[in-house]
Amino acid sequence: MGVPEERVATPARRAFIELHCHTNASFDSLADPLAVARAAARRGLTHLAVTDHDRIDAALRLLDAAPPELTVIVGEEVKTADGDLIAVFLREVVPPGMSAVETIAAVRAQGGLVGVPHPFDGLRGFGRKSGAELESIAHLVDWVEAYNARVIGGSANEKAARFAHEHGLPGVGASDSHTVLEVAVTCNIVTGDPGTPAGLLASLSAVDFVPGRASFYVRAWTPLAKMIQSMKGNGRRRAHEARGEIR
């Protein structure tokens, strides 16, 4: 006798998601957005959050242009007064320059989610300039990058992983890619459908990630990219400029 249809367990769908990557919409990347999306799909990612610095225009364009097997999530790496934050599921750009708490509120107003990138990196860590403590926003964010492939030295990632564990937050991996070569060097493996805010939150409760590292030679391209972008007039956007950007 066969198993009743209603009792047949449907295997949970696995997804492979990157929550932090950049294209040439960022001031420090020369990576063509479509090349990034194609590389992500070719390397097995099912979901890609495009998180350019203080901009969402490239992510918006990829919603229709990316390969059909890849779900693009509109995101942004926002430079707050207290440090960088990752915002995903955005409809409009979140202006830089606000406090971390104000920025999180602006993301929530759009129904978005918030993560903390490279929180203890010596050059890019949260509160490095403002003196703000990461503990002050731990109850307001949805995940912490426990592993960032561009962090130099292991102690900062180890400290981030420990912080996530101690505060009951999902610890995710991030390629933080600025070149096509880096896309999917680190990815998160989840169960379910992370293509919606609720789905991503649910899937991150049991996230696992495959760590990888950007080589020194790949990271060395970043200063060159900054110089080229600056020469083209595509330097980092100021707060007042971003506030005038609707899309």
Foldseek 3Di string as FASTA:
>chain_A
DDDPPVPDDDDFDKFKEAQAEEDLLALQFPHHLQLLLVLQVVVGHQEYEYAHAQDQVSLVVCCPVHPPSHHYWGWYFAAEPFATKIKTNADWGQFHHHHPVVSLVVSVVRVIAIEAELQQAPVGHGRNPVVDDPVVCLVSHAAYALEEQERDDDPSSPVRVVVCVVSVHQHAHHLNYRYSVSRPQKIKMWTFDCNHPVRVSVGSNDIDMDHGHDDPVRVVCRVVSNVVSVVVVSHRDHRVVSVPGTD
